[in-house]
Amino acid sequence: MAGRKCTIVYLGASSLPSPQKSCPKIRCSKCDSSVICFMDYEWDSSVDYLFFRNNYPDFERLRPKLRKKKGSSAYACQCSSTSVTTQVAADKASLRWFCASH
């Protein structure tokens, strides 16, 4: 039996109630990597493509560019990243992320 797929991939902040959280299994169609999420963090404004290519998905290696921020969530794959404080559709954030079934 095939898993469920989200019709719209939502990214959610850690401050949102559970039903408004993000899709639990997101992948990127550009780099074919799983999207990782760090609750109560946001990305530093200096983060760039090469940083993710070299450090994804290791939290300890990503930590220098993560900033603690209660209520925020930092998302990343190997080629893109975003930080959210509200529920946001991935396509509205110009991200090529899709639901990989759950």
PDB file of N, CA and C in Angstrom:
ATOM      1  N   MET A   1       0.840  -1.180   0.000  1.00  0.00           N
ATOM      2  CA  MET A   1       0.000   0.000   0.000  1.00  0.00           C
ATOM      3  C   MET A   1       0.887   1.247   0.000  1.00  0.00           C
ATOM      4  N   ALA A   2       0.631   2.146  -0.907  1.00  0.00           N
ATOM      5  CA  ALA A   2       1.424   3.365  -1.010  1.00  0.00           C
ATOM      6  C   ALA A   2       1.143   4.290   0.160  1.00  0.00           C
ATOM      7  N   GLY A   3       2.146   5.063   0.531  1.00  0.00           N
ATOM      8  CA  GLY A   3       1.998   6.018   1.620  1.00  0.00           C
ATOM      9  C   GLY A   3       1.240   7.264   1.168  1.00  0.00           C
ATOM     10  N   ARG A   4       0.847   8.050   2.155  1.00  0.00           N
ATOM     11  CA  ARG A   4       0.170   9.307   1.850  1.00  0.00           C
ATOM     12  C   ARG A   4       1.183  10.328   1.360  1.00  0.00           C
ATOM     13  N   LYS A   5       0.739  11.227   0.505  1.00  0.00           N
ATOM     14  CA  LYS A   5       1.571  12.329   0.039  1.00  0.00           C
ATOM     15  C   LYS A   5       0.842  13.632   0.282  1.00  0.00           C
ATOM     16  N   CYS A   6       1.589  14.620   0.728  1.00  0.00           N
ATOM     17  CA  CYS A   6       1.019  15.951   0.921  1.00  0.00           C
ATOM     18  C   CYS A   6       0.809  16.594  -0.450  1.00  0.00           C
ATOM     19  N   THR A   7      -0.328  17.214  -0.659  1.00  0.00           N
ATOM     20  CA  THR A   7      -0.554  17.927  -1.910  1.00  0.00           C
ATOM     21  C   THR A   7       0.204  19.251  -1.903  1.00  0.00           C
ATOM     22  N   ILE A   8       0.306  19.859  -0.741  1.00  0.00           N
ATOM     23  CA  ILE A   8       1.106  21.069  -0.554  1.00  0.00           C
ATOM     24  C   ILE A   8       2.087  20.776   0.566  1.00  0.00           C
ATOM     25  N   VAL A   9       3.365  21.018   0.320  1.00  0.00           N
ATOM     26  CA  VAL A   9       4.386  20.778   1.337  1.00  0.00           C
ATOM     27  C   VAL A   9       4.495  22.029   2.205  1.00  0.00           C
ATOM     28  N   TYR A  10       4.122  21.868   3.459  1.00  0.00           N
ATOM     29  CA  TYR A  10       4.199  22.980   4.403  1.00  0.00           C
ATOM     30  C   TYR A  10       5.425  22.844   5.290  1.00  0.00           C
ATOM     31  N   LEU A  11       6.047  23.972   5.560  1.00  0.00           N
ATOM     32  CA  LEU A  11       7.122  24.067   6.538  1.00  0.00           C
ATOM     33  C   LEU A  11       6.517  24.748   7.746  1.00  0.00           C
ATOM     34  N   GLY A  12       6.775  24.213   8.928  1.00  0.00           N
ATOM     35  CA  GLY A  12       6.177  24.780  10.122  1.00  0.00           C
ATOM     36  C   GLY A  12       7.208  25.151  11.160  1.00  0.00           C
ATOM     37  N   ALA A  13       6.896  26.188  11.921  1.00  0.00           N
ATOM     38  CA  ALA A  13       7.767  26.630  13.004  1.00  0.00           C
ATOM     39  C   ALA A  13       7.486  25.811  14.252  1.00  0.00           C
ATOM     40  N   SER A  14       8.456  25.737  15.131  1.00  0.00           N
ATOM     41  CA  SER A  14       8.304  24.943  16.356  1.00  0.00           C
ATOM     42  C   SER A  14       7.221  25.493  17.275  1.00  0.00           C
ATOM     43  N   SER A  15       6.844  26.749  17.099  1.00  0.00           N
ATOM     44  CA  SER A  15       5.836  27.359  17.956  1.00  0.00           C
ATOM     45  C   SER A  15       4.403  27.021  17.547  1.00  0.00           C
ATOM     46  N   LEU A  16       4.209  26.390  16.384  1.00  0.00           N
ATOM     47  CA  LEU A  16       2.867  26.074  15.901  1.00  0.00           C
ATOM     48  C   LEU A  16       2.317  24.821  16.560  1.00  0.00           C
ATOM     49  N   PRO A  17       0.983  24.742  16.717  1.00  0.00           N
ATOM     50  CA  PRO A  17       0.380  23.515  17.247  1.00  0.00           C
ATOM     51  C   PRO A  17       0.629  22.336  16.299  1.00  0.00           C
ATOM     52  N   SER A  18       0.649  21.132  16.811  1.00  0.00           N
ATOM     53  CA  SER A  18       0.974  19.934  16.027  1.00  0.00           C
ATOM     54  C   SER A  18       0.248  19.809  14.691  1.00  0.00           C
ATOM     55  N   PRO A  19      -1.069  20.047  14.588  1.00  0.00           N
ATOM     56  CA  PRO A  19      -1.723  19.886  13.286  1.00  0.00           C
ATOM     57  C   PRO A  19      -1.211  20.853  12.218  1.00  0.00           C
ATOM     58  N   GLN A  20      -0.531  21.915  12.622  1.00  0.00           N
ATOM     59  CA  GLN A  20      -0.030  22.892  11.655  1.00  0.00           C
ATOM     60  C   GLN A  20       1.465  22.740  11.405  1.00  0.00           C
ATOM     61  N   LYS A  21       2.027  21.664  11.857  1.00  0.00           N
ATOM     62  CA  LYS A  21       3.455  21.428  11.640  1.00  0.00           C
ATOM     63  C   LYS A  21       3.710  21.084  10.177  1.00  0.00           C
ATOM     64  N   SER A  22       4.962  20.861   9.858  1.00  0.00           N
ATOM     65  CA  SER A  22       5.337  20.602   8.473  1.00  0.00           C
ATOM     66  C   SER A  22       5.119  19.149   8.073  1.00  0.00           C
ATOM     67  N   CYS A  23       5.277  18.923   6.784  1.00  0.00           N
ATOM     68  CA  CYS A  23       5.298  17.566   6.248  1.00  0.00           C
ATOM     69  C   CYS A  23       6.469  16.839   6.906  1.00  0.00           C
ATOM     70  N   PRO A  24       6.280  15.598   7.375  1.00  0.00           N
ATOM     71  CA  PRO A  24       7.346  14.906   8.086  1.00  0.00           C
ATOM     72  C   PRO A  24       8.427  14.271   7.203  1.00  0.00           C
ATOM     73  N   LYS A  25       8.215  14.245   5.889  1.00  0.00           N
ATOM     74  CA  LYS A  25       9.185  13.568   5.021  1.00  0.00           C
ATOM     75  C   LYS A  25       9.342  14.355   3.716  1.00  0.00           C
ATOM     76  N   ILE A  26      10.243  15.338   3.744  1.00  0.00           N
ATOM     77  CA  ILE A  26      10.436  16.232   2.603  1.00  0.00           C
ATOM     78  C   ILE A  26      11.759  15.904   1.912  1.00  0.00           C
ATOM     79  N   ARG A  27      11.727  15.953   0.572  1.00  0.00           N
ATOM     80  CA  ARG A  27      12.941  15.764  -0.237  1.00  0.00           C
ATOM     81  C   ARG A  27      13.066  16.934  -1.207  1.00  0.00           C
ATOM     82  N   CYS A  28      14.270  17.131  -1.666  1.00  0.00           N
ATOM     83  CA  CYS A  28      14.542  18.187  -2.640  1.00  0.00           C
ATOM     84  C   CYS A  28      14.660  17.575  -4.038  1.00  0.00           C
ATOM     85  N   SER A  29      13.962  18.140  -5.008  1.00  0.00           N
ATOM     86  CA  SER A  29      14.030  17.627  -6.378  1.00  0.00           C
ATOM     87  C   SER A  29      15.276  18.132  -7.108  1.00  0.00           C
ATOM     88  N   LYS A  30      15.948  19.108  -6.554  1.00  0.00           N
ATOM     89  CA  LYS A  30      17.152  19.648  -7.193  1.00  0.00           C
ATOM     90  C   LYS A  30      18.403  18.848  -6.822  1.00  0.00           C
ATOM     91  N   CYS A  31      18.595  18.561  -5.523  1.00  0.00           N
ATOM     92  CA  CYS A  31      19.804  17.830  -5.093  1.00  0.00           C
ATOM     93  C   CYS A  31      19.499  16.387  -4.671  1.00  0.00           C
ATOM     94  N   ASP A  32      18.218  16.003  -4.672  1.00  0.00           N
ATOM     95  CA  ASP A  32      17.769  14.656  -4.314  1.00  0.00           C
ATOM     96  C   ASP A  32      18.177  14.248  -2.889  1.00  0.00           C
ATOM     97  N   SER A  33      18.175  15.205  -1.977  1.00  0.00           N
ATOM     98  CA  SER A  33      18.487  14.933  -0.572  1.00  0.00           C
ATOM     99  C   SER A  33      17.242  15.105   0.279  1.00  0.00           C
ATOM    100  N   SER A  34      17.233  14.452   1.414  1.00  0.00           N
ATOM    101  CA  SER A  34      16.165  14.667   2.391  1.00  0.00           C
ATOM    102  C   SER A  34      16.343  16.047   3.004  1.00  0.00           C
ATOM    103  N   VAL A  35      15.236  16.659   3.356  1.00  0.00           N
ATOM    104  CA  VAL A  35      15.279  17.968   4.018  1.00  0.00           C
ATOM    105  C   VAL A  35      15.331  17.725   5.518  1.00  0.00           C
ATOM    106  N   ILE A  36      16.275  18.364   6.188  1.00  0.00           N
ATOM    107  CA  ILE A  36      16.406  18.242   7.637  1.00  0.00           C
ATOM    108  C   ILE A  36      15.848  19.504   8.292  1.00  0.00           C
ATOM    109  N   CYS A  37      15.425  19.361   9.540  1.00  0.00           N
ATOM    110  CA  CYS A  37      14.830  20.481  10.256  1.00  0.00           C
ATOM    111  C   CYS A  37      15.394  20.545  11.671  1.00  0.00           C
ATOM    112  N   PHE A  38      15.704  21.750  12.104  1.00  0.00           N
ATOM    113  CA  PHE A  38      16.172  21.989  13.463  1.00  0.00           C
ATOM    114  C   PHE A  38      15.195  22.948  14.137  1.00  0.00           C
ATOM    115  N   MET A  39      14.437  22.416  15.089  1.00  0.00           N
ATOM    116  CA  MET A  39      13.444  23.221  15.806  1.00  0.00           C
ATOM    117  C   MET A  39      14.139  24.164  16.785  1.00  0.00           C
ATOM    118  N   ASP A  40      13.570  25.349  16.927  1.00  0.00           N
ATOM    119  CA  ASP A  40      14.093  26.400  17.806  1.00  0.00           C
ATOM    120  C   ASP A  40      15.461  26.909  17.374  1.00  0.00           C
ATOM    121  N   TYR A  41      15.723  26.861  16.062  1.00  0.00           N
ATOM    122  CA  TYR A  41      16.930  27.429  15.460  1.00  0.00           C
ATOM    123  C   TYR A  41      16.530  28.193  14.201  1.00  0.00           C
ATOM    124  N   GLU A  42      17.411  29.097  13.782  1.00  0.00           N
ATOM    125  CA  GLU A  42      17.301  29.744  12.481  1.00  0.00           C
ATOM    126  C   GLU A  42      18.693  29.789  11.868  1.00  0.00           C
ATOM    127  N   TRP A  43      18.762  29.920  10.533  1.00  0.00           N
ATOM    128  CA  TRP A  43      20.049  29.990   9.850  1.00  0.00           C
ATOM    129  C   TRP A  43      20.620  31.390   9.937  1.00  0.00           C
ATOM    130  N   ASP A  44      21.917  31.481  10.117  1.00  0.00           N
ATOM    131  CA  ASP A  44      22.622  32.754  10.084  1.00  0.00           C
ATOM    132  C   ASP A  44      22.526  33.314   8.665  1.00  0.00           C
ATOM    133  N   SER A  45      22.491  34.618   8.531  1.00  0.00           N
ATOM    134  CA  SER A  45      22.341  35.239   7.209  1.00  0.00           C
ATOM    135  C   SER A  45      23.553  34.997   6.303  1.00  0.00           C
ATOM    136  N   SER A  46      24.688  34.569   6.863  1.00  0.00           N
ATOM    137  CA  SER A  46      25.890  34.335   6.062  1.00  0.00           C
ATOM    138  C   SER A  46      25.960  32.929   5.457  1.00  0.00           C
ATOM    139  N   VAL A  47      24.971  32.081   5.729  1.00  0.00           N
ATOM    140  CA  VAL A  47      24.999  30.709   5.228  1.00  0.00           C
ATOM    141  C   VAL A  47      24.904  30.709   3.697  1.00  0.00           C
ATOM    142  N   ASP A  48      25.640  29.777   3.060  1.00  0.00           N
ATOM    143  CA  ASP A  48      25.631  29.724   1.603  1.00  0.00           C
ATOM    144  C   ASP A  48      25.606  28.277   1.097  1.00  0.00           C
ATOM    145  N   TYR A  49      25.487  28.146  -0.218  1.00  0.00           N
ATOM    146  CA  TYR A  49      25.364  26.847  -0.887  1.00  0.00           C
ATOM    147  C   TYR A  49      26.513  25.901  -0.520  1.00  0.00           C
ATOM    148  N   LEU A  50      27.750  26.372  -0.595  1.00  0.00           N
ATOM    149  CA  LEU A  50      28.899  25.502  -0.321  1.00  0.00           C
ATOM    150  C   LEU A  50      28.931  25.009   1.119  1.00  0.00           C
ATOM    151  N   PHE A  51      28.444  25.835   2.038  1.00  0.00           N
ATOM    152  CA  PHE A  51      28.380  25.409   3.434  1.00  0.00           C
ATOM    153  C   PHE A  51      27.519  24.158   3.560  1.00  0.00           C
ATOM    154  N   PHE A  52      26.369  24.141   2.906  1.00  0.00           N
ATOM    155  CA  PHE A  52      25.491  22.966   2.975  1.00  0.00           C
ATOM    156  C   PHE A  52      26.074  21.780   2.221  1.00  0.00           C
ATOM    157  N   ARG A  53      26.662  22.013   1.066  1.00  0.00           N
ATOM    158  CA  ARG A  53      27.259  20.913   0.300  1.00  0.00           C
ATOM    159  C   ARG A  53      28.349  20.207   1.099  1.00  0.00           C
ATOM    160  N   ASN A  54      29.094  20.963   1.896  1.00  0.00           N
ATOM    161  CA  ASN A  54      30.210  20.406   2.655  1.00  0.00           C
ATOM    162  C   ASN A  54      29.828  19.867   4.036  1.00  0.00           C
ATOM    163  N   ASN A  55      28.711  20.293   4.595  1.00  0.00           N
ATOM    164  CA  ASN A  55      28.397  19.952   5.987  1.00  0.00           C
ATOM    165  C   ASN A  55      27.098  19.186   6.211  1.00  0.00           C
ATOM    166  N   TYR A  56      26.207  19.166   5.244  1.00  0.00           N
ATOM    167  CA  TYR A  56      24.940  18.446   5.350  1.00  0.00           C
ATOM    168  C   TYR A  56      25.214  16.953   5.512  1.00  0.00           C
ATOM    169  N   PRO A  57      24.515  16.224   6.331  1.00  0.00           N
ATOM    170  CA  PRO A  57      23.442  16.538   7.275  1.00  0.00           C
ATOM    171  C   PRO A  57      23.921  16.576   8.733  1.00  0.00           C
ATOM    172  N   ASP A  58      25.211  16.735   8.952  1.00  0.00           N
ATOM    173  CA  ASP A  58      25.812  16.643  10.285  1.00  0.00           C
ATOM    174  C   ASP A  58      25.527  17.885  11.142  1.00  0.00           C
ATOM    175  N   PHE A  59      24.728  17.712  12.187  1.00  0.00           N
ATOM    176  CA  PHE A  59      24.358  18.835  13.053  1.00  0.00           C
ATOM    177  C   PHE A  59      25.582  19.544  13.622  1.00  0.00           C
ATOM    178  N   GLU A  60      26.558  18.798  14.063  1.00  0.00           N
ATOM    179  CA  GLU A  60      27.752  19.415  14.665  1.00  0.00           C
ATOM    180  C   GLU A  60      28.497  20.299  13.660  1.00  0.00           C
ATOM    181  N   ARG A  61      28.516  19.908  12.420  1.00  0.00           N
ATOM    182  CA  ARG A  61      29.183  20.713  11.391  1.00  0.00           C
ATOM    183  C   ARG A  61      28.311  21.874  10.925  1.00  0.00           C
ATOM    184  N   LEU A  62      26.992  21.723  11.043  1.00  0.00           N
ATOM    185  CA  LEU A  62      26.067  22.798  10.664  1.00  0.00           C
ATOM    186  C   LEU A  62      25.901  23.830  11.783  1.00  0.00           C
ATOM    187  N   ARG A  63      26.159  23.431  13.013  1.00  0.00           N
ATOM    188  CA  ARG A  63      25.908  24.279  14.180  1.00  0.00           C
ATOM    189  C   ARG A  63      26.520  25.685  14.120  1.00  0.00           C
ATOM    190  N   PRO A  64      27.716  25.879  13.548  1.00  0.00           N
ATOM    191  CA  PRO A  64      28.273  27.236  13.524  1.00  0.00           C
ATOM    192  C   PRO A  64      27.394  28.273  12.810  1.00  0.00           C
ATOM    193  N   LYS A  65      26.535  27.814  11.901  1.00  0.00           N
ATOM    194  CA  LYS A  65      25.660  28.741  11.170  1.00  0.00           C
ATOM    195  C   LYS A  65      24.208  28.694  11.665  1.00  0.00           C
ATOM    196  N   LEU A  66      23.964  27.971  12.740  1.00  0.00           N
ATOM    197  CA  LEU A  66      22.634  27.916  13.345  1.00  0.00           C
ATOM    198  C   LEU A  66      22.596  28.844  14.547  1.00  0.00           C
ATOM    199  N   ARG A  67      21.517  29.603  14.669  1.00  0.00           N
ATOM    200  CA  ARG A  67      21.315  30.508  15.803  1.00  0.00           C
ATOM    201  C   ARG A  67      20.078  30.053  16.566  1.00  0.00           C
ATOM    202  N   LYS A  68      20.192  29.961  17.879  1.00  0.00           N
ATOM    203  CA  LYS A  68      19.038  29.605  18.709  1.00  0.00           C
ATOM    204  C   LYS A  68      17.974  30.676  18.552  1.00  0.00           C
ATOM    205  N   LYS A  69      16.739  30.268  18.286  1.00  0.00           N
ATOM    206  CA  LYS A  69      15.619  31.203  18.217  1.00  0.00           C
ATOM    207  C   LYS A  69      14.342  30.441  18.539  1.00  0.00           C
ATOM    208  N   LYS A  70      13.856  30.625  19.735  1.00  0.00           N
ATOM    209  CA  LYS A  70      12.645  29.932  20.189  1.00  0.00           C
ATOM    210  C   LYS A  70      11.481  30.250  19.253  1.00  0.00           C
ATOM    211  N   GLY A  71      10.773  29.211  18.857  1.00  0.00           N
ATOM    212  CA  GLY A  71       9.605  29.379  17.992  1.00  0.00           C
ATOM    213  C   GLY A  71       9.914  29.325  16.506  1.00  0.00           C
ATOM    214  N   SER A  72      11.178  29.262  16.147  1.00  0.00           N
ATOM    215  CA  SER A  72      11.586  29.216  14.743  1.00  0.00           C
ATOM    216  C   SER A  72      12.012  27.797  14.378  1.00  0.00           C
ATOM    217  N   SER A  73      12.098  27.517  13.083  1.00  0.00           N
ATOM    218  CA  SER A  73      12.620  26.236  12.595  1.00  0.00           C
ATOM    219  C   SER A  73      13.522  26.497  11.404  1.00  0.00           C
ATOM    220  N   ALA A  74      14.672  25.837  11.385  1.00  0.00           N
ATOM    221  CA  ALA A  74      15.633  25.970  10.293  1.00  0.00           C
ATOM    222  C   ALA A  74      15.589  24.701   9.455  1.00  0.00           C
ATOM    223  N   TYR A  75      15.324  24.830   8.169  1.00  0.00           N
ATOM    224  CA  TYR A  75      15.233  23.715   7.232  1.00  0.00           C
ATOM    225  C   TYR A  75      16.382  23.793   6.240  1.00  0.00           C
ATOM    226  N   ALA A  76      16.863  22.620   5.792  1.00  0.00           N
ATOM    227  CA  ALA A  76      17.917  22.607   4.773  1.00  0.00           C
ATOM    228  C   ALA A  76      17.999  21.263   4.066  1.00  0.00           C
ATOM    229  N   CYS A  77      18.457  21.318   2.824  1.00  0.00           N
ATOM    230  CA  CYS A  77      18.878  20.137   2.077  1.00  0.00           C
ATOM    231  C   CYS A  77      20.334  20.416   1.704  1.00  0.00           C
ATOM    232  N   GLN A  78      20.859  19.796   0.679  1.00  0.00           N
ATOM    233  CA  GLN A  78      22.247  20.068   0.306  1.00  0.00           C
ATOM    234  C   GLN A  78      22.405  21.309  -0.565  1.00  0.00           C
ATOM    235  N   CYS A  79      21.300  21.883  -1.027  1.00  0.00           N
ATOM    236  CA  CYS A  79      21.427  23.033  -1.926  1.00  0.00           C
ATOM    237  C   CYS A  79      20.603  24.249  -1.537  1.00  0.00           C
ATOM    238  N   SER A  80      19.682  24.114  -0.587  1.00  0.00           N
ATOM    239  CA  SER A  80      18.798  25.218  -0.211  1.00  0.00           C
ATOM    240  C   SER A  80      18.530  25.207   1.286  1.00  0.00           C
ATOM    241  N   SER A  81      18.125  26.359   1.773  1.00  0.00           N
ATOM    242  CA  SER A  81      17.767  26.451   3.194  1.00  0.00           C
ATOM    243  C   SER A  81      16.759  27.566   3.402  1.00  0.00           C
ATOM    244  N   THR A  82      16.070  27.494   4.519  1.00  0.00           N
ATOM    245  CA  THR A  82      15.166  28.565   4.921  1.00  0.00           C
ATOM    246  C   THR A  82      14.901  28.447   6.414  1.00  0.00           C
ATOM    247  N   SER A  83      14.527  29.551   7.016  1.00  0.00           N
ATOM    248  CA  SER A  83      14.091  29.582   8.408  1.00  0.00           C
ATOM    249  C   SER A  83      12.663  30.108   8.419  1.00  0.00           C
ATOM    250  N   VAL A  84      11.809  29.504   9.234  1.00  0.00           N
ATOM    251  CA  VAL A  84      10.412  29.935   9.285  1.00  0.00           C
ATOM    252  C   VAL A  84       9.968  30.167  10.729  1.00  0.00           C
ATOM    253  N   THR A  85       9.055  31.102  10.876  1.00  0.00           N
ATOM    254  CA  THR A  85       8.440  31.366  12.187  1.00  0.00           C
ATOM    255  C   THR A  85       6.930  31.184  12.119  1.00  0.00           C
ATOM    256  N   THR A  86       6.413  30.927  10.912  1.00  0.00           N
ATOM    257  CA  THR A  86       4.993  30.640  10.699  1.00  0.00           C
ATOM    258  C   THR A  86       4.911  29.467   9.732  1.00  0.00           C
ATOM    259  N   GLN A  87       3.707  29.002   9.469  1.00  0.00           N
ATOM    260  CA  GLN A  87       3.544  27.933   8.487  1.00  0.00           C
ATOM    261  C   GLN A  87       3.680  28.532   7.088  1.00  0.00           C
ATOM    262  N   VAL A  88       4.539  27.927   6.260  1.00  0.00           N
ATOM    263  CA  VAL A  88       4.830  28.436   4.917  1.00  0.00           C
ATOM    264  C   VAL A  88       4.809  27.272   3.938  1.00  0.00           C
ATOM    265  N   ALA A  89       4.200  27.480   2.777  1.00  0.00           N
ATOM    266  CA  ALA A  89       4.238  26.465   1.719  1.00  0.00           C
ATOM    267  C   ALA A  89       5.611  26.540   1.052  1.00  0.00           C
ATOM    268  N   ALA A  90       6.247  25.397   0.855  1.00  0.00           N
ATOM    269  CA  ALA A  90       7.594  25.355   0.272  1.00  0.00           C
ATOM    270  C   ALA A  90       7.647  26.030  -1.093  1.00  0.00           C
ATOM    271  N   ASP A  91       6.620  25.850  -1.912  1.00  0.00           N
ATOM    272  CA  ASP A  91       6.647  26.466  -3.240  1.00  0.00           C
ATOM    273  C   ASP A  91       6.560  27.989  -3.163  1.00  0.00           C
ATOM    274  N   LYS A  92       5.921  28.526  -2.135  1.00  0.00           N
ATOM    275  CA  LYS A  92       5.837  29.982  -1.948  1.00  0.00           C
ATOM    276  C   LYS A  92       7.188  30.546  -1.527  1.00  0.00           C
ATOM    277  N   ALA A  93       8.037  29.703  -0.958  1.00  0.00           N
ATOM    278  CA  ALA A  93       9.376  30.114  -0.532  1.00  0.00           C
ATOM    279  C   ALA A  93      10.408  29.827  -1.624  1.00  0.00           C
ATOM    280  N   SER A  94       9.953  29.539  -2.839  1.00  0.00           N
ATOM    281  CA  SER A  94      10.827  29.248  -3.990  1.00  0.00           C
ATOM    282  C   SER A  94      11.761  28.065  -3.744  1.00  0.00           C
ATOM    283  N   LEU A  95      11.264  27.052  -3.051  1.00  0.00           N
ATOM    284  CA  LEU A  95      12.038  25.846  -2.772  1.00  0.00           C
ATOM    285  C   LEU A  95      11.507  24.707  -3.634  1.00  0.00           C
ATOM    286  N   ARG A  96      12.383  23.848  -4.105  1.00  0.00           N
ATOM    287  CA  ARG A  96      11.990  22.720  -4.949  1.00  0.00           C
ATOM    288  C   ARG A  96      11.873  21.470  -4.096  1.00  0.00           C
ATOM    289  N   TRP A  97      11.070  21.541  -3.062  1.00  0.00           N
ATOM    290  CA  TRP A  97      10.908  20.453  -2.101  1.00  0.00           C
ATOM    291  C   TRP A  97       9.551  19.814  -2.294  1.00  0.00           C
ATOM    292  N   PHE A  98       9.490  18.486  -2.116  1.00  0.00           N
ATOM    293  CA  PHE A  98       8.251  17.744  -2.306  1.00  0.00           C
ATOM    294  C   PHE A  98       8.095  16.700  -1.192  1.00  0.00           C
ATOM    295  N   CYS A  99       6.881  16.221  -1.025  1.00  0.00           N
ATOM    296  CA  CYS A  99       6.587  15.176  -0.049  1.00  0.00           C
ATOM    297  C   CYS A  99       7.046  13.842  -0.620  1.00  0.00           C
ATOM    298  N   ALA A 100       7.822  13.101   0.183  1.00  0.00           N
ATOM    299  CA  ALA A 100       8.349  11.803  -0.249  1.00  0.00           C
ATOM    300  C   ALA A 100       7.516  10.642   0.285  1.00  0.00           C
ATOM    301  N   SER A 101       6.278  10.891   0.617  1.00  0.00           N
ATOM    302  CA  SER A 101       5.321   9.913   1.172  1.00  0.00           C
ATOM    303  C   SER A 101       5.603   9.615   2.627  1.00  0.00           C
ATOM    304  N   HIS A 102       4.521   9.447   3.349  1.00  0.00           N
ATOM    305  CA  HIS A 102       4.632   9.078   4.768  1.00  0.00           C
ATOM    306  C   HIS A 102       3.417   8.299   5.192  1.00  0.00           C
TER     307      HIS A 102
END
